[in-house]
Amino acid sequence: MANDLRAGRTSEDTGVLLADTVARLRRAMRRAARAADPANPLSVAQLEVLACVADEPGIRPGRIARRLMLAANSVTTLVNALHTRGLVVRTNAADDARAVALSPTPAGRQAVESWKATNTAILQAALGALDDRHQHVLAEALPGLRNLAEAVDTLADEPRAARS
């Protein structure tokens, strides 16, 4: 892809190639994680909700819905399943007794750490299969990819009207 960019690819072309690559990587990671940990009963959606709860103990379901761009009722369904499995606890929010705050249980934190470790091991193994040049290119691209992720998060947080 780097050669394609140097050969005069436009930003639009890069966006198309990057979107395709990211989508393929996400699918490959999901498949590889299932193969590496077939006993994990949690869906990716449940793990993403659980990760939000672990990252921000006391988070409210509405914030999870906004953060993951999910419907509120979908978050409720996912949280109910996580609660049933003993991975999250519900309490009253500190600033509003009518609101629910979510926190991970120790088992919930362990599930998130296990998921992260599985993903890390998959990527380390895959990186090890690449030649040194590609490993170096990917390592050099990490700061840019992190900035890109932040830029995409910013776009997701902006109201649609502000982007137009």
Protein backbone atom coordinates (compact mmCIF):
# COMPACT_ATOMS: atom_id res chain seq x y z
CA MET A 1 0.00 0.00 0.00
CA ALA A 2 2.88 2.38 0.73
CA ASN A 3 4.07 2.00 -2.85
CA ASP A 4 0.53 2.70 -4.08
CA LEU A 5 0.51 5.95 -2.09
CA ARG A 6 3.87 7.03 -3.48
CA ALA A 7 2.65 6.22 -6.98
CA GLY A 8 0.12 9.04 -6.77
CA ARG A 9 -2.84 7.56 -4.93
CA THR A 10 -5.26 10.18 -3.66
CA SER A 11 -6.57 10.61 -0.15
CA GLU A 12 -9.86 9.18 -1.40
CA ASP A 13 -8.08 6.07 -2.68
CA THR A 14 -6.28 5.74 0.64
CA GLY A 15 -9.59 6.00 2.47
CA VAL A 16 -11.11 3.23 0.37
CA LEU A 17 -8.09 0.95 0.82
CA LEU A 18 -7.85 1.67 4.54
CA ALA A 19 -11.59 1.08 5.12
CA ASP A 20 -11.36 -2.25 3.32
CA THR A 21 -8.22 -3.25 5.20
CA VAL A 22 -9.62 -2.31 8.61
CA ALA A 23 -12.85 -4.21 7.90
CA ARG A 24 -10.89 -7.28 6.80
CA LEU A 25 -8.64 -7.05 9.86
CA ARG A 26 -11.65 -6.81 12.20
CA ARG A 27 -13.24 -9.89 10.61
CA ALA A 28 -9.95 -11.79 10.72
CA MET A 29 -9.40 -10.84 14.37
CA ARG A 30 -12.93 -11.94 15.31
CA ARG A 31 -12.44 -15.30 13.55
CA ALA A 32 -8.98 -15.81 15.04
CA ALA A 33 -10.20 -14.92 18.54
CA ARG A 34 -13.02 -17.48 18.24
CA ALA A 35 -10.52 -20.09 17.05
CA ALA A 36 -8.05 -19.22 19.84
CA ASP A 37 -10.70 -19.18 22.59
CA PRO A 38 -13.68 -21.25 21.44
CA ALA A 39 -14.95 -21.64 25.01
CA ASN A 40 -15.50 -17.88 25.37
CA PRO A 41 -19.28 -17.56 25.54
CA LEU A 42 -19.36 -13.78 25.05
CA SER A 43 -20.13 -12.09 21.76
CA VAL A 44 -17.94 -9.30 20.44
CA ALA A 45 -20.74 -6.85 21.23
CA GLN A 46 -20.87 -8.08 24.84
CA LEU A 47 -17.10 -7.82 25.11
CA GLU A 48 -17.12 -4.26 23.73
CA VAL A 49 -19.80 -3.22 26.23
CA LEU A 50 -17.89 -4.94 29.03
CA ALA A 51 -14.69 -3.17 27.96
CA CYS A 52 -16.50 0.18 28.18
CA VAL A 53 -17.65 -0.69 31.70
CA ALA A 54 -14.13 -1.78 32.69
CA ASP A 55 -12.60 1.37 31.17
CA GLU A 56 -15.06 3.63 32.96
CA PRO A 57 -16.53 2.05 36.11
CA GLY A 58 -19.78 3.78 37.03
CA ILE A 59 -20.64 4.41 33.38
CA ARG A 60 -24.30 4.74 32.51
CA PRO A 61 -25.92 2.64 29.79
CA GLY A 62 -26.78 5.75 27.76
CA ARG A 63 -23.12 6.73 27.59
CA ILE A 64 -22.23 3.22 26.41
CA ALA A 65 -24.88 3.50 23.70
CA ARG A 66 -23.43 6.83 22.51
CA ARG A 67 -19.84 5.62 22.75
CA LEU A 68 -20.51 2.43 20.76
CA MET A 69 -23.22 3.97 18.55
CA LEU A 70 -25.75 1.36 19.63
CA ALA A 71 -29.45 1.67 20.30
CA ALA A 72 -30.28 2.06 23.98
CA ASN A 73 -32.40 -1.11 23.96
CA SER A 74 -29.47 -3.06 22.46
CA VAL A 75 -27.23 -1.88 25.30
CA THR A 76 -29.91 -2.87 27.81
CA THR A 77 -30.07 -6.37 26.31
CA LEU A 78 -26.28 -6.71 26.34
CA VAL A 79 -25.99 -5.39 29.90
CA ASN A 80 -28.74 -7.74 31.09
CA ALA A 81 -26.82 -10.70 29.65
CA LEU A 82 -23.57 -9.52 31.26
CA HIS A 83 -25.35 -8.99 34.58
CA THR A 84 -26.90 -12.48 34.41
CA ARG A 85 -23.41 -13.92 33.88
CA GLY A 86 -22.12 -12.00 36.91
CA LEU A 87 -19.79 -9.79 34.87
CA VAL A 88 -21.30 -6.38 35.73
CA VAL A 89 -23.10 -4.93 38.71
CA ARG A 90 -25.77 -2.26 38.62
CA THR A 91 -25.92 0.46 41.23
CA ASN A 92 -27.64 3.81 41.49
CA ALA A 93 -25.65 6.62 39.91
CA ALA A 94 -23.99 8.85 42.47
CA ASP A 95 -25.60 12.03 41.14
CA ASP A 96 -29.05 10.62 40.32
CA ALA A 97 -30.63 7.79 42.33
CA ARG A 98 -33.00 7.08 39.40
CA ALA A 99 -30.12 6.37 37.02
CA VAL A 100 -28.16 3.12 36.74
CA ALA A 101 -24.39 3.00 36.96
CA LEU A 102 -22.47 -0.06 35.79
CA SER A 103 -19.23 -1.48 37.12
CA PRO A 104 -17.35 -4.65 36.27
CA THR A 105 -17.13 -7.51 38.71
CA PRO A 106 -13.74 -9.19 39.17
CA ALA A 107 -14.94 -11.84 36.69
CA GLY A 108 -15.89 -9.06 34.27
CA ARG A 109 -12.44 -7.47 34.52
CA GLN A 110 -10.88 -10.90 33.97
CA ALA A 111 -13.03 -11.45 30.85
CA VAL A 112 -11.85 -8.13 29.39
CA GLU A 113 -8.21 -8.85 30.23
CA SER A 114 -8.49 -12.32 28.70
CA TRP A 115 -10.04 -10.86 25.52
CA LYS A 116 -7.25 -8.28 25.27
CA ALA A 117 -4.59 -10.94 25.88
CA THR A 118 -6.10 -13.17 23.19
CA ASN A 119 -6.12 -10.30 20.70
CA THR A 120 -2.55 -9.35 21.60
CA ALA A 121 -1.33 -12.93 21.18
CA ILE A 122 -3.06 -13.18 17.78
CA LEU A 123 -1.46 -9.97 16.56
CA GLN A 124 1.97 -10.89 17.92
CA ALA A 125 1.82 -14.25 16.14
CA ALA A 126 0.65 -12.63 12.90
CA LEU A 127 3.31 -9.93 13.10
CA GLY A 128 5.93 -12.62 13.65
CA ALA A 129 4.87 -14.19 10.35
CA LEU A 130 5.64 -10.97 8.48
CA ASP A 131 9.04 -10.05 7.11
CA ASP A 132 11.12 -7.46 8.97
CA ARG A 133 10.31 -4.71 6.49
CA HIS A 134 6.56 -5.06 6.98
CA GLN A 135 6.97 -5.27 10.76
CA HIS A 136 8.97 -2.04 10.67
CA VAL A 137 6.41 -0.27 8.44
CA LEU A 138 3.58 -1.25 10.78
CA ALA A 139 5.54 -0.14 13.85
CA GLU A 140 6.27 3.21 12.19
CA ALA A 141 2.58 3.62 11.28
CA LEU A 142 1.30 3.14 14.85
CA PRO A 143 1.39 6.83 15.87
CA GLY A 144 -0.50 7.76 12.72
CA LEU A 145 -3.02 4.98 13.25
CA ARG A 146 -3.61 6.13 16.83
CA ASN A 147 -4.17 9.69 15.59
CA LEU A 148 -6.50 8.35 12.91
CA ALA A 149 -8.50 6.44 15.55
CA GLU A 150 -8.81 9.65 17.60
CA ALA A 151 -9.92 11.59 14.52
CA VAL A 152 -12.56 8.95 13.74
CA ASP A 153 -13.75 9.06 17.38
CA THR A 154 -14.03 12.84 17.11
CA LEU A 155 -16.14 12.50 13.96
CA ALA A 156 -18.37 9.98 15.73
CA ASP A 157 -18.84 12.38 18.66
CA GLU A 158 -19.69 15.40 16.49
CA PRO A 159 -23.31 16.01 15.58
CA ARG A 160 -23.96 15.24 11.90
CA ALA A 161 -24.92 18.86 11.15
CA ALA A 162 -21.51 20.09 12.34
CA ARG A 163 -19.74 17.82 9.81
CA SER A 164 -21.74 18.96 6.79
